[in-house]
Amino acid sequence: MASSLVIRHVALVPTMIGLAAVLSAGTVLAVVTSLRGAAATRRPHVPGPGPRVGVRGLTPPREVASLRG
């Protein structure tokens, strides 16, 4: 592993801090990528059909019948 090669040239504590930083950055990158993928595949909410409307799209059907006489 790369950390064993770094330990030969640098002290143990800075090597472990560097390794922890690299692993933390990878974890954050994975979570962000996962959340973006989940948001992209989520379907938007589409409400169900509303109340029926009349001929012109504004008047309810029973009022249309009463207007016809």
N, C-alpha and C. Protein backbone atom coordinates (compact mmCIF):
# COMPACT_ATOMS: atom_id res chain seq x y z
N MET A 1 0.84 -1.18 0.00
CA MET A 1 0.00 0.00 0.00
C MET A 1 0.88 1.24 0.00
N ALA A 2 0.36 2.32 -0.50
CA ALA A 2 1.13 3.55 -0.64
C ALA A 2 1.54 4.13 0.72
N SER A 3 0.70 3.94 1.72
CA SER A 3 1.04 4.51 3.03
C SER A 3 2.30 3.89 3.62
N SER A 4 2.54 2.61 3.34
CA SER A 4 3.77 1.99 3.85
C SER A 4 5.01 2.58 3.18
N LEU A 5 4.89 3.01 1.94
CA LEU A 5 6.01 3.66 1.26
C LEU A 5 6.23 5.06 1.80
N VAL A 6 5.15 5.76 2.14
CA VAL A 6 5.27 7.11 2.67
C VAL A 6 5.86 7.08 4.07
N ILE A 7 5.52 6.07 4.87
CA ILE A 7 6.03 5.97 6.24
C ILE A 7 7.55 5.87 6.24
N ARG A 8 8.14 5.30 5.22
CA ARG A 8 9.61 5.20 5.16
C ARG A 8 10.28 6.55 5.06
N HIS A 9 9.56 7.55 4.50
CA HIS A 9 10.17 8.87 4.29
C HIS A 9 9.61 9.95 5.20
N VAL A 10 8.44 9.71 5.77
CA VAL A 10 7.78 10.69 6.64
C VAL A 10 7.39 9.96 7.93
N ALA A 11 7.20 10.71 8.98
CA ALA A 11 6.84 10.10 10.27
C ALA A 11 5.45 9.47 10.20
N LEU A 12 5.16 8.65 11.17
CA LEU A 12 3.90 7.90 11.19
C LEU A 12 2.67 8.81 11.33
N VAL A 13 2.72 9.77 12.24
CA VAL A 13 1.54 10.61 12.49
C VAL A 13 1.13 11.44 11.27
N PRO A 14 2.05 12.14 10.60
CA PRO A 14 1.63 12.87 9.39
C PRO A 14 1.12 11.94 8.28
N THR A 15 1.68 10.75 8.19
CA THR A 15 1.21 9.79 7.20
C THR A 15 -0.23 9.37 7.48
N MET A 16 -0.55 9.08 8.74
CA MET A 16 -1.91 8.67 9.10
C MET A 16 -2.89 9.82 8.93
N ILE A 17 -2.47 11.05 9.22
CA ILE A 17 -3.35 12.21 9.01
C ILE A 17 -3.64 12.37 7.52
N GLY A 18 -2.61 12.21 6.70
CA GLY A 18 -2.81 12.30 5.26
C GLY A 18 -3.73 11.21 4.74
N LEU A 19 -3.54 9.99 5.23
CA LEU A 19 -4.39 8.87 4.82
C LEU A 19 -5.84 9.12 5.23
N ALA A 20 -6.05 9.62 6.44
CA ALA A 20 -7.40 9.91 6.91
C ALA A 20 -8.04 11.01 6.06
N ALA A 21 -7.26 12.00 5.66
CA ALA A 21 -7.79 13.08 4.82
C ALA A 21 -8.20 12.55 3.45
N VAL A 22 -7.38 11.69 2.87
CA VAL A 22 -7.69 11.12 1.56
C VAL A 22 -8.95 10.25 1.64
N LEU A 23 -9.07 9.42 2.66
CA LEU A 23 -10.24 8.58 2.82
C LEU A 23 -11.50 9.41 3.08
N SER A 24 -11.37 10.47 3.86
CA SER A 24 -12.52 11.33 4.14
C SER A 24 -12.98 12.04 2.87
N ALA A 25 -12.05 12.53 2.08
CA ALA A 25 -12.41 13.20 0.82
C ALA A 25 -13.10 12.22 -0.13
N GLY A 26 -12.63 10.99 -0.17
CA GLY A 26 -13.27 9.97 -1.00
C GLY A 26 -14.68 9.66 -0.54
N THR A 27 -14.88 9.63 0.75
CA THR A 27 -16.20 9.37 1.30
C THR A 27 -17.17 10.51 0.97
N VAL A 28 -16.72 11.73 1.13
CA VAL A 28 -17.57 12.89 0.81
C VAL A 28 -17.91 12.89 -0.67
N LEU A 29 -16.95 12.61 -1.52
CA LEU A 29 -17.19 12.54 -2.96
C LEU A 29 -18.21 11.46 -3.30
N ALA A 30 -18.11 10.31 -2.67
CA ALA A 30 -19.05 9.21 -2.92
C ALA A 30 -20.47 9.58 -2.49
N VAL A 31 -20.61 10.23 -1.35
CA VAL A 31 -21.93 10.61 -0.86
C VAL A 31 -22.56 11.66 -1.77
N VAL A 32 -21.78 12.66 -2.17
CA VAL A 32 -22.30 13.71 -3.05
C VAL A 32 -22.73 13.11 -4.39
N THR A 33 -21.91 12.23 -4.95
CA THR A 33 -22.25 11.58 -6.21
C THR A 33 -23.51 10.75 -6.08
N SER A 34 -23.64 10.04 -4.98
CA SER A 34 -24.82 9.21 -4.75
C SER A 34 -26.08 10.05 -4.62
N LEU A 35 -26.00 11.15 -3.90
CA LEU A 35 -27.16 12.01 -3.72
C LEU A 35 -27.56 12.68 -5.04
N ARG A 36 -26.60 13.07 -5.84
CA ARG A 36 -26.92 13.66 -7.14
C ARG A 36 -27.59 12.64 -8.04
N GLY A 37 -27.11 11.40 -8.02
CA GLY A 37 -27.71 10.36 -8.83
C GLY A 37 -29.13 10.05 -8.38
N ALA A 38 -29.36 10.05 -7.07
CA ALA A 38 -30.70 9.78 -6.56
C ALA A 38 -31.65 10.91 -6.91
N ALA A 39 -31.17 12.15 -6.85
CA ALA A 39 -32.03 13.29 -7.19
C ALA A 39 -32.36 13.31 -8.68
N ALA A 40 -31.44 12.85 -9.50
CA ALA A 40 -31.67 12.87 -10.95
C ALA A 40 -32.68 11.80 -11.36
N THR A 41 -32.76 10.70 -10.64
CA THR A 41 -33.67 9.62 -11.02
C THR A 41 -35.02 9.72 -10.33
N ARG A 42 -35.16 10.63 -9.40
CA ARG A 42 -36.42 10.79 -8.68
C ARG A 42 -37.45 11.42 -9.61
N ARG A 43 -38.64 10.82 -9.65
CA ARG A 43 -39.70 11.36 -10.51
C ARG A 43 -40.36 12.54 -9.82
N PRO A 44 -40.71 13.58 -10.57
CA PRO A 44 -41.41 14.70 -9.94
C PRO A 44 -42.83 14.30 -9.57
N HIS A 45 -43.35 14.97 -8.57
CA HIS A 45 -44.71 14.69 -8.12
C HIS A 45 -45.71 15.25 -9.13
N VAL A 46 -46.59 14.43 -9.61
CA VAL A 46 -47.63 14.85 -10.54
C VAL A 46 -48.96 14.65 -9.84
N PRO A 47 -49.70 15.74 -9.60
CA PRO A 47 -50.97 15.59 -8.90
C PRO A 47 -51.99 14.84 -9.76
N GLY A 48 -52.93 14.22 -9.11
CA GLY A 48 -53.97 13.47 -9.80
C GLY A 48 -54.91 14.40 -10.54
N PRO A 49 -55.88 13.82 -11.25
CA PRO A 49 -56.81 14.66 -12.00
C PRO A 49 -57.65 15.52 -11.06
N GLY A 50 -57.86 16.73 -11.46
CA GLY A 50 -58.64 17.66 -10.66
C GLY A 50 -60.12 17.50 -10.96
N PRO A 51 -60.93 18.45 -10.53
CA PRO A 51 -62.36 18.38 -10.82
C PRO A 51 -62.62 18.50 -12.32
N ARG A 52 -63.67 17.84 -12.77
CA ARG A 52 -64.00 17.91 -14.19
C ARG A 52 -64.46 19.32 -14.53
N VAL A 53 -64.12 19.73 -15.75
CA VAL A 53 -64.51 21.07 -16.18
C VAL A 53 -65.39 20.96 -17.41
N GLY A 54 -66.09 22.03 -17.71
CA GLY A 54 -67.06 22.03 -18.80
C GLY A 54 -66.45 22.23 -20.18
N VAL A 55 -67.28 22.70 -21.08
CA VAL A 55 -66.96 22.80 -22.49
C VAL A 55 -65.76 23.69 -22.75
N ARG A 56 -65.74 24.85 -22.16
CA ARG A 56 -64.65 25.80 -22.42
C ARG A 56 -63.50 25.63 -21.44
N GLY A 57 -63.60 24.70 -20.56
CA GLY A 57 -62.51 24.46 -19.62
C GLY A 57 -62.60 25.30 -18.37
N LEU A 58 -63.66 26.09 -18.22
CA LEU A 58 -63.76 26.96 -17.06
C LEU A 58 -65.01 26.68 -16.23
N THR A 59 -66.04 26.16 -16.84
CA THR A 59 -67.33 26.01 -16.17
C THR A 59 -67.59 24.55 -15.85
N PRO A 60 -68.01 24.22 -14.63
CA PRO A 60 -68.35 22.84 -14.31
C PRO A 60 -69.51 22.35 -15.17
N PRO A 61 -69.57 21.06 -15.51
CA PRO A 61 -70.57 20.52 -16.43
C PRO A 61 -72.02 20.80 -16.03
N ARG A 62 -72.38 20.75 -14.74
CA ARG A 62 -73.77 20.95 -14.37
C ARG A 62 -74.20 22.40 -14.63
N GLU A 63 -73.27 23.35 -14.52
CA GLU A 63 -73.62 24.73 -14.84
C GLU A 63 -73.76 24.92 -16.35
N VAL A 64 -73.02 24.18 -17.13
CA VAL A 64 -73.15 24.24 -18.59
C VAL A 64 -74.53 23.77 -18.99
N ALA A 65 -75.01 22.71 -18.37
CA ALA A 65 -76.35 22.18 -18.68
C ALA A 65 -77.41 23.18 -18.31
N SER A 66 -77.25 23.89 -17.20
CA SER A 66 -78.26 24.87 -16.81
C SER A 66 -78.21 26.11 -17.70
N LEU A 67 -77.08 26.43 -18.28
CA LEU A 67 -76.98 27.56 -19.19
C LEU A 67 -77.66 27.27 -20.54
N ARG A 68 -77.67 26.02 -20.93
CA ARG A 68 -78.28 25.64 -22.22
C ARG A 68 -79.81 25.75 -22.14
N GLY A 69 -80.34 25.66 -20.98
CA GLY A 69 -81.73 25.91 -20.79
C GLY A 69 -82.63 24.79 -20.83
